[in-house]
Amino acid sequence: MLRAVLAVLSLTTMLKTEEFGVLFEIEEDSFFVNENPIWIGKFDSLFSCSQMCAREPFCKSANYMTTEETCSLHRETRKMYPDRLLKQKGSSYLEKVRYKPGLKETLN
């Protein structure tokens, strides 16, 4: 399983405390199965989907489907439910990571 951490997706969007930003760990061709997403909608890019998740305080992970241009936000992560992460071509799984210079921790 290839996991890509894309520093490119380091966002300027801030959480409640301004000293924290948001990064995402991204796994391509992976899809997190969740029957009760926080939100589902259309976006034209993975970056736009990540921005939506970054702005939503309850969002801990997201799926982006390239061909359908859909984004779904989730309260759960693959670390909470590892059996729900499936391989699916054309999808990307994003996991929200809190970031402060010198500190990086996943939000579980």
N, C-alpha and C. Protein backbone atom coordinates (compact mmCIF):
# COMPACT_ATOMS: atom_id res chain seq x y z
N MET A 1 0.83 -1.17 0.00
CA MET A 1 0.00 0.00 0.00
C MET A 1 0.88 1.24 0.00
N LEU A 2 0.70 2.06 -0.98
CA LEU A 2 1.47 3.29 -1.03
C LEU A 2 0.70 4.41 -0.34
N ARG A 3 1.40 5.08 0.52
CA ARG A 3 0.81 6.23 1.21
C ARG A 3 1.60 7.46 0.84
N ALA A 4 0.94 8.46 0.43
CA ALA A 4 1.64 9.68 0.04
C ALA A 4 1.24 10.82 0.97
N VAL A 5 2.21 11.44 1.51
CA VAL A 5 1.95 12.63 2.31
C VAL A 5 2.25 13.80 1.40
N LEU A 6 1.24 14.54 1.08
CA LEU A 6 1.42 15.64 0.14
C LEU A 6 1.50 16.96 0.89
N ALA A 7 2.70 17.44 1.00
CA ALA A 7 2.90 18.74 1.65
C ALA A 7 2.25 19.84 0.83
N VAL A 8 2.02 19.57 -0.44
CA VAL A 8 1.36 20.54 -1.30
C VAL A 8 -0.01 20.90 -0.74
N LEU A 9 -0.63 19.94 -0.05
CA LEU A 9 -1.95 20.19 0.50
C LEU A 9 -1.89 20.84 1.88
N SER A 10 -0.75 21.36 2.24
CA SER A 10 -0.65 22.13 3.47
C SER A 10 -1.51 23.37 3.26
N LEU A 11 -2.51 23.51 4.08
CA LEU A 11 -3.48 24.57 3.87
C LEU A 11 -3.25 25.74 4.81
N THR A 12 -3.63 26.90 4.34
CA THR A 12 -3.55 28.07 5.20
C THR A 12 -4.80 28.18 6.06
N THR A 13 -5.77 27.32 5.80
CA THR A 13 -6.98 27.30 6.62
C THR A 13 -6.60 26.95 8.04
N MET A 14 -7.11 27.68 8.99
CA MET A 14 -6.75 27.46 10.38
C MET A 14 -7.88 26.82 11.16
N LEU A 15 -7.53 26.07 12.19
CA LEU A 15 -8.52 25.51 13.10
C LEU A 15 -8.92 26.60 14.08
N LYS A 16 -9.63 26.23 15.14
CA LYS A 16 -10.11 27.21 16.11
C LYS A 16 -8.98 28.05 16.70
N THR A 17 -7.86 27.42 17.03
CA THR A 17 -6.72 28.19 17.51
C THR A 17 -5.85 28.51 16.33
N GLU A 18 -5.49 29.72 16.14
CA GLU A 18 -4.83 30.17 14.93
C GLU A 18 -3.43 29.61 14.75
N GLU A 19 -2.81 29.08 15.81
CA GLU A 19 -1.46 28.57 15.63
C GLU A 19 -1.43 27.21 14.96
N PHE A 20 -2.57 26.55 14.80
CA PHE A 20 -2.61 25.23 14.16
C PHE A 20 -3.14 25.35 12.74
N GLY A 21 -2.51 24.62 11.83
CA GLY A 21 -2.98 24.52 10.46
C GLY A 21 -3.43 23.09 10.21
N VAL A 22 -3.64 22.74 8.96
CA VAL A 22 -4.11 21.40 8.62
C VAL A 22 -3.29 20.84 7.47
N LEU A 23 -2.89 19.59 7.63
CA LEU A 23 -2.25 18.82 6.57
C LEU A 23 -3.09 17.56 6.36
N PHE A 24 -2.88 16.89 5.24
CA PHE A 24 -3.57 15.64 4.97
C PHE A 24 -2.60 14.57 4.54
N GLU A 25 -2.79 13.37 5.05
CA GLU A 25 -2.12 12.19 4.50
C GLU A 25 -3.09 11.64 3.47
N ILE A 26 -2.57 11.34 2.28
CA ILE A 26 -3.44 10.93 1.18
C ILE A 26 -3.02 9.56 0.67
N GLU A 27 -4.01 8.69 0.50
CA GLU A 27 -3.76 7.37 -0.07
C GLU A 27 -4.57 7.27 -1.37
N GLU A 28 -3.85 7.19 -2.48
CA GLU A 28 -4.51 7.13 -3.78
C GLU A 28 -5.09 5.75 -4.03
N ASP A 29 -6.13 5.72 -4.84
CA ASP A 29 -6.83 4.48 -5.20
C ASP A 29 -7.35 3.75 -3.95
N SER A 30 -7.75 4.52 -2.96
CA SER A 30 -8.33 3.98 -1.73
C SER A 30 -9.59 4.75 -1.39
N PHE A 31 -10.54 4.03 -0.80
CA PHE A 31 -11.86 4.60 -0.49
C PHE A 31 -12.28 4.12 0.89
N PHE A 32 -12.68 5.04 1.75
CA PHE A 32 -13.14 4.72 3.09
C PHE A 32 -14.66 4.55 3.06
N VAL A 33 -15.14 3.37 3.39
CA VAL A 33 -16.57 3.07 3.36
C VAL A 33 -17.22 3.61 4.64
N ASN A 34 -18.20 4.48 4.45
CA ASN A 34 -18.92 5.08 5.57
C ASN A 34 -20.35 5.37 5.12
N GLU A 35 -21.31 4.76 5.78
CA GLU A 35 -22.71 4.93 5.40
C GLU A 35 -23.32 6.23 5.92
N ASN A 36 -22.64 6.90 6.83
CA ASN A 36 -23.17 8.14 7.41
C ASN A 36 -22.16 9.28 7.34
N PRO A 37 -21.85 9.75 6.12
CA PRO A 37 -20.90 10.86 6.02
C PRO A 37 -21.49 12.14 6.60
N ILE A 38 -20.62 13.06 6.98
CA ILE A 38 -21.06 14.37 7.47
C ILE A 38 -21.68 15.15 6.32
N TRP A 39 -21.07 15.02 5.14
CA TRP A 39 -21.46 15.82 3.99
C TRP A 39 -21.00 15.13 2.71
N ILE A 40 -21.76 15.27 1.65
CA ILE A 40 -21.37 14.80 0.32
C ILE A 40 -21.69 15.92 -0.66
N GLY A 41 -20.76 16.20 -1.57
CA GLY A 41 -21.01 17.25 -2.55
C GLY A 41 -20.05 17.16 -3.72
N LYS A 42 -20.21 18.08 -4.66
CA LYS A 42 -19.40 18.12 -5.88
C LYS A 42 -18.26 19.12 -5.71
N PHE A 43 -17.07 18.70 -6.12
CA PHE A 43 -15.91 19.57 -6.18
C PHE A 43 -15.10 19.17 -7.40
N ASP A 44 -14.41 20.13 -7.99
CA ASP A 44 -13.65 19.82 -9.21
C ASP A 44 -12.23 19.36 -8.94
N SER A 45 -11.82 19.29 -7.66
CA SER A 45 -10.45 18.84 -7.40
C SER A 45 -10.30 18.25 -5.99
N LEU A 46 -9.26 17.46 -5.85
CA LEU A 46 -8.90 16.91 -4.55
C LEU A 46 -8.58 18.04 -3.57
N PHE A 47 -7.92 19.06 -4.06
CA PHE A 47 -7.56 20.20 -3.22
C PHE A 47 -8.81 20.87 -2.65
N SER A 48 -9.83 21.08 -3.47
CA SER A 48 -11.08 21.70 -3.00
C SER A 48 -11.75 20.83 -1.93
N CYS A 49 -11.72 19.53 -2.12
CA CYS A 49 -12.28 18.60 -1.14
C CYS A 49 -11.52 18.71 0.18
N SER A 50 -10.19 18.78 0.10
CA SER A 50 -9.39 18.89 1.32
C SER A 50 -9.67 20.21 2.04
N GLN A 51 -9.92 21.29 1.31
CA GLN A 51 -10.24 22.56 1.94
C GLN A 51 -11.56 22.47 2.70
N MET A 52 -12.54 21.79 2.12
CA MET A 52 -13.83 21.62 2.79
C MET A 52 -13.65 20.87 4.10
N CYS A 53 -12.88 19.79 4.08
CA CYS A 53 -12.63 19.02 5.30
C CYS A 53 -11.86 19.86 6.32
N ALA A 54 -10.90 20.63 5.86
CA ALA A 54 -10.10 21.48 6.76
C ALA A 54 -10.98 22.49 7.50
N ARG A 55 -12.00 22.99 6.83
CA ARG A 55 -12.89 23.99 7.44
C ARG A 55 -13.92 23.38 8.39
N GLU A 56 -14.19 22.10 8.23
CA GLU A 56 -15.22 21.43 9.04
C GLU A 56 -14.56 20.82 10.29
N PRO A 57 -14.88 21.34 11.48
CA PRO A 57 -14.21 20.87 12.69
C PRO A 57 -14.43 19.38 12.99
N PHE A 58 -15.55 18.79 12.58
CA PHE A 58 -15.84 17.39 12.86
C PHE A 58 -15.25 16.44 11.82
N CYS A 59 -14.75 16.98 10.72
CA CYS A 59 -14.19 16.15 9.65
C CYS A 59 -12.81 15.64 10.06
N LYS A 60 -12.66 14.30 10.03
CA LYS A 60 -11.38 13.67 10.32
C LYS A 60 -10.79 13.00 9.09
N SER A 61 -11.65 12.72 8.11
CA SER A 61 -11.17 12.11 6.86
C SER A 61 -12.16 12.43 5.75
N ALA A 62 -11.73 12.16 4.51
CA ALA A 62 -12.58 12.43 3.36
C ALA A 62 -12.23 11.48 2.23
N ASN A 63 -13.18 11.30 1.32
CA ASN A 63 -12.96 10.57 0.07
C ASN A 63 -13.17 11.56 -1.07
N TYR A 64 -12.33 11.45 -2.09
CA TYR A 64 -12.56 12.22 -3.31
C TYR A 64 -12.57 11.26 -4.49
N MET A 65 -13.67 11.28 -5.26
CA MET A 65 -13.82 10.44 -6.44
C MET A 65 -13.57 11.30 -7.68
N THR A 66 -12.47 11.05 -8.35
CA THR A 66 -12.05 11.88 -9.48
C THR A 66 -13.06 11.88 -10.62
N THR A 67 -13.53 10.72 -11.06
CA THR A 67 -14.42 10.65 -12.23
C THR A 67 -15.77 11.32 -11.98
N GLU A 68 -16.29 11.20 -10.77
CA GLU A 68 -17.59 11.80 -10.44
C GLU A 68 -17.46 13.19 -9.83
N GLU A 69 -16.21 13.59 -9.51
CA GLU A 69 -15.94 14.87 -8.85
C GLU A 69 -16.76 15.02 -7.58
N THR A 70 -16.82 13.94 -6.78
CA THR A 70 -17.56 14.01 -5.52
C THR A 70 -16.60 13.92 -4.33
N CYS A 71 -17.02 14.56 -3.28
CA CYS A 71 -16.26 14.62 -2.04
C CYS A 71 -17.20 14.22 -0.91
N SER A 72 -16.73 13.34 -0.02
CA SER A 72 -17.52 13.01 1.16
C SER A 72 -16.64 13.17 2.39
N LEU A 73 -17.23 13.79 3.42
CA LEU A 73 -16.51 14.07 4.67
C LEU A 73 -16.97 13.10 5.75
N HIS A 74 -16.02 12.68 6.62
CA HIS A 74 -16.31 11.66 7.63
C HIS A 74 -15.78 12.03 9.01
N ARG A 75 -16.48 11.58 10.03
CA ARG A 75 -16.03 11.73 11.42
C ARG A 75 -15.04 10.64 11.82
N GLU A 76 -15.02 9.55 11.07
CA GLU A 76 -14.18 8.40 11.38
C GLU A 76 -12.96 8.36 10.45
N THR A 77 -11.96 7.54 10.86
CA THR A 77 -10.76 7.37 10.05
C THR A 77 -10.46 5.89 9.87
N ARG A 78 -9.53 5.60 9.00
CA ARG A 78 -9.11 4.20 8.79
C ARG A 78 -8.43 3.64 10.03
N LYS A 79 -7.86 4.52 10.86
CA LYS A 79 -7.23 4.04 12.11
C LYS A 79 -8.28 3.54 13.09
N MET A 80 -9.47 4.12 13.02
CA MET A 80 -10.57 3.69 13.88
C MET A 80 -11.22 2.42 13.34
N TYR A 81 -11.31 2.31 12.00
CA TYR A 81 -11.97 1.19 11.33
C TYR A 81 -11.12 0.75 10.13
N PRO A 82 -10.01 0.05 10.37
CA PRO A 82 -9.11 -0.32 9.27
C PRO A 82 -9.74 -1.20 8.20
N ASP A 83 -10.76 -1.99 8.55
CA ASP A 83 -11.40 -2.87 7.57
C ASP A 83 -12.29 -2.11 6.59
N ARG A 84 -12.53 -0.83 6.82
CA ARG A 84 -13.38 -0.04 5.93
C ARG A 84 -12.61 0.65 4.80
N LEU A 85 -11.29 0.56 4.80
CA LEU A 85 -10.51 1.17 3.73
C LEU A 85 -10.32 0.15 2.62
N LEU A 86 -10.92 0.43 1.47
CA LEU A 86 -10.89 -0.49 0.33
C LEU A 86 -10.12 0.13 -0.82
N LYS A 87 -9.60 -0.71 -1.68
CA LYS A 87 -8.94 -0.25 -2.90
C LYS A 87 -10.02 0.07 -3.93
N GLN A 88 -9.92 1.26 -4.52
CA GLN A 88 -10.87 1.65 -5.57
C GLN A 88 -10.18 2.63 -6.51
N LYS A 89 -10.01 2.23 -7.73
CA LYS A 89 -9.35 3.05 -8.74
C LYS A 89 -10.10 4.38 -8.91
N GLY A 90 -9.34 5.46 -9.04
CA GLY A 90 -9.94 6.77 -9.27
C GLY A 90 -10.43 7.48 -8.02
N SER A 91 -10.09 6.92 -6.86
CA SER A 91 -10.50 7.56 -5.60
C SER A 91 -9.27 7.91 -4.78
N SER A 92 -9.44 8.83 -3.86
CA SER A 92 -8.37 9.19 -2.93
C SER A 92 -8.96 9.31 -1.54
N TYR A 93 -8.24 8.75 -0.57
CA TYR A 93 -8.62 8.85 0.83
C TYR A 93 -7.70 9.89 1.48
N LEU A 94 -8.31 10.84 2.18
CA LEU A 94 -7.57 11.90 2.85
C LEU A 94 -7.79 11.77 4.35
N GLU A 95 -6.72 11.83 5.11
CA GLU A 95 -6.85 11.80 6.56
C GLU A 95 -6.29 13.10 7.13
N LYS A 96 -7.09 13.79 7.90
CA LYS A 96 -6.73 15.09 8.45
C LYS A 96 -5.67 14.94 9.53
N VAL A 97 -4.68 15.81 9.46
CA VAL A 97 -3.59 15.82 10.43
C VAL A 97 -3.45 17.25 10.95
N ARG A 98 -3.38 17.38 12.27
CA ARG A 98 -3.17 18.71 12.84
C ARG A 98 -1.69 19.03 12.69
N TYR A 99 -1.41 20.28 12.39
CA TYR A 99 -0.03 20.66 12.15
C TYR A 99 0.31 21.96 12.85
N LYS A 100 1.42 21.96 13.52
CA LYS A 100 2.01 23.16 14.10
C LYS A 100 3.50 22.98 13.88
N PRO A 101 4.22 24.00 13.46
CA PRO A 101 5.65 23.80 13.24
C PRO A 101 6.28 23.04 14.42
N GLY A 102 6.94 21.94 14.10
CA GLY A 102 7.56 21.10 15.13
C GLY A 102 6.64 20.03 15.69
N LEU A 103 5.34 20.02 15.29
CA LEU A 103 4.38 19.06 15.82
C LEU A 103 3.48 18.59 14.71
N LYS A 104 3.27 17.28 14.63
CA LYS A 104 2.33 16.72 13.67
C LYS A 104 1.64 15.55 14.36
N GLU A 105 0.32 15.57 14.43
CA GLU A 105 -0.39 14.46 15.03
C GLU A 105 -1.68 14.21 14.27
N THR A 106 -2.04 12.94 14.14
CA THR A 106 -3.28 12.62 13.47
C THR A 106 -4.44 12.89 14.41
N LEU A 107 -5.56 13.24 13.85
CA LEU A 107 -6.76 13.53 14.64
C LEU A 107 -7.63 12.29 14.68
N ASN A 108 -7.63 11.57 15.76
CA ASN A 108 -8.46 10.37 15.90
C ASN A 108 -9.56 10.61 16.88
